[in-house]
Amino acid sequence: MNHHVENLIGPDAACQMLGVNQHSLLRGINDGIVPAYSIGGAVRFRPSELHHPALSGLDEHYRAKDEHFAA
């Protein structure tokens, strides 16, 4: 059995990887868009799961959503 061990990353690295701010990252987690894991009270991410095309443009998604509801 071949198990690939992947280092988990924190929120700052996830934001940098996705090109989003922390607010959008947290909204994405709460909305079930961004896969995250709670380990010992800390939120961690698998970099391989953050390369999904659905996660690109997360900031723009929430900005458009906020503008829609503000109108």
C-alpha atoms as a PDB file:
ATOM      1  CA  MET A   1       0.000   0.000   0.000  1.00  0.00           C
ATOM      2  CA  ASN A   2       1.456   3.350  -1.030  1.00  0.00           C
ATOM      3  CA  HIS A   3       0.385   6.228   1.207  1.00  0.00           C
ATOM      4  CA  HIS A   4       1.229   9.736   0.092  1.00  0.00           C
ATOM      5  CA  VAL A   5       1.802  12.026   3.054  1.00  0.00           C
ATOM      6  CA  GLU A   6       0.859  15.611   2.324  1.00  0.00           C
ATOM      7  CA  ASN A   7       1.856  18.494   4.566  1.00  0.00           C
ATOM      8  CA  LEU A   8      -1.126  20.544   5.645  1.00  0.00           C
ATOM      9  CA  ILE A   9      -0.991  24.323   5.443  1.00  0.00           C
ATOM     10  CA  GLY A  10      -2.521  27.102   7.520  1.00  0.00           C
ATOM     11  CA  PRO A  11      -4.941  29.858   6.521  1.00  0.00           C
ATOM     12  CA  ASP A  12      -2.258  32.373   5.498  1.00  0.00           C
ATOM     13  CA  ALA A  13      -0.659  29.933   3.068  1.00  0.00           C
ATOM     14  CA  ALA A  14      -4.096  28.882   1.765  1.00  0.00           C
ATOM     15  CA  CYS A  15      -5.020  32.533   1.113  1.00  0.00           C
ATOM     16  CA  GLN A  16      -1.766  33.079  -0.733  1.00  0.00           C
ATOM     17  CA  MET A  17      -2.233  29.895  -2.748  1.00  0.00           C
ATOM     18  CA  LEU A  18      -5.799  30.825  -3.730  1.00  0.00           C
ATOM     19  CA  GLY A  19      -5.087  34.529  -4.151  1.00  0.00           C
ATOM     20  CA  VAL A  20      -7.901  35.490  -1.773  1.00  0.00           C
ATOM     21  CA  ASN A  21      -8.239  37.421   1.464  1.00  0.00           C
ATOM     22  CA  GLN A  22      -9.017  35.699   4.771  1.00  0.00           C
ATOM     23  CA  HIS A  23     -12.623  36.896   4.736  1.00  0.00           C
ATOM     24  CA  SER A  24     -13.293  35.125   1.427  1.00  0.00           C
ATOM     25  CA  LEU A  25     -11.452  32.026   2.645  1.00  0.00           C
ATOM     26  CA  LEU A  26     -13.601  31.830   5.776  1.00  0.00           C
ATOM     27  CA  ARG A  27     -16.789  32.384   3.796  1.00  0.00           C
ATOM     28  CA  GLY A  28     -15.724  29.637   1.406  1.00  0.00           C
ATOM     29  CA  ILE A  29     -15.179  27.262   4.317  1.00  0.00           C
ATOM     30  CA  ASN A  30     -18.552  28.142   5.866  1.00  0.00           C
ATOM     31  CA  ASP A  31     -20.312  27.723   2.509  1.00  0.00           C
ATOM     32  CA  GLY A  32     -18.692  24.313   1.991  1.00  0.00           C
ATOM     33  CA  ILE A  33     -16.745  25.473  -1.066  1.00  0.00           C
ATOM     34  CA  VAL A  34     -13.250  25.315   0.453  1.00  0.00           C
ATOM     35  CA  PRO A  35     -12.281  21.979   2.026  1.00  0.00           C
ATOM     36  CA  ALA A  36     -10.747  22.515   5.470  1.00  0.00           C
ATOM     37  CA  TYR A  37      -9.855  20.400   8.469  1.00  0.00           C
ATOM     38  CA  SER A  38      -9.912  21.291  12.135  1.00  0.00           C
ATOM     39  CA  ILE A  39      -6.923  19.781  13.879  1.00  0.00           C
ATOM     40  CA  GLY A  40      -6.459  20.571  17.547  1.00  0.00           C
ATOM     41  CA  GLY A  41      -8.565  23.706  17.177  1.00  0.00           C
ATOM     42  CA  ALA A  42      -6.542  24.976  14.200  1.00  0.00           C
ATOM     43  CA  VAL A  43      -7.859  25.126  10.646  1.00  0.00           C
ATOM     44  CA  ARG A  44      -5.641  23.371   8.107  1.00  0.00           C
ATOM     45  CA  PHE A  45      -5.818  22.717   4.357  1.00  0.00           C
ATOM     46  CA  ARG A  46      -4.498  20.134   1.909  1.00  0.00           C
ATOM     47  CA  PRO A  47      -2.736  22.018  -0.892  1.00  0.00           C
ATOM     48  CA  SER A  48      -3.791  19.389  -3.437  1.00  0.00           C
ATOM     49  CA  GLU A  49      -7.450  20.121  -2.657  1.00  0.00           C
ATOM     50  CA  LEU A  50      -6.993  23.854  -3.195  1.00  0.00           C
ATOM     51  CA  HIS A  51      -6.043  23.407  -6.855  1.00  0.00           C
ATOM     52  CA  HIS A  52      -9.677  22.813  -7.848  1.00  0.00           C
ATOM     53  CA  PRO A  53     -10.957  25.117 -10.642  1.00  0.00           C
ATOM     54  CA  ALA A  54     -14.081  25.934  -8.619  1.00  0.00           C
ATOM     55  CA  LEU A  55     -11.889  27.773  -6.113  1.00  0.00           C
ATOM     56  CA  SER A  56     -10.449  30.241  -8.611  1.00  0.00           C
ATOM     57  CA  GLY A  57     -12.111  33.623  -8.439  1.00  0.00           C
ATOM     58  CA  LEU A  58     -13.421  33.157  -4.905  1.00  0.00           C
ATOM     59  CA  ASP A  59     -12.940  36.854  -4.039  1.00  0.00           C
ATOM     60  CA  GLU A  60     -14.839  37.915  -7.168  1.00  0.00           C
ATOM     61  CA  HIS A  61     -17.620  35.428  -6.385  1.00  0.00           C
ATOM     62  CA  TYR A  62     -18.231  36.929  -2.960  1.00  0.00           C
ATOM     63  CA  ARG A  63     -17.807  40.513  -4.143  1.00  0.00           C
ATOM     64  CA  ALA A  64     -20.488  39.974  -6.812  1.00  0.00           C
ATOM     65  CA  LYS A  65     -22.723  38.229  -4.297  1.00  0.00           C
ATOM     66  CA  ASP A  66     -22.383  41.119  -1.825  1.00  0.00           C
ATOM     67  CA  GLU A  67     -23.090  43.703  -4.540  1.00  0.00           C
ATOM     68  CA  HIS A  68     -26.184  41.787  -5.616  1.00  0.00           C
ATOM     69  CA  PHE A  69     -27.637  41.754  -2.099  1.00  0.00           C
ATOM     70  CA  ALA A  70     -26.691  45.391  -1.451  1.00  0.00           C
ATOM     71  CA  ALA A  71     -28.677  46.590  -4.484  1.00  0.00           C
END
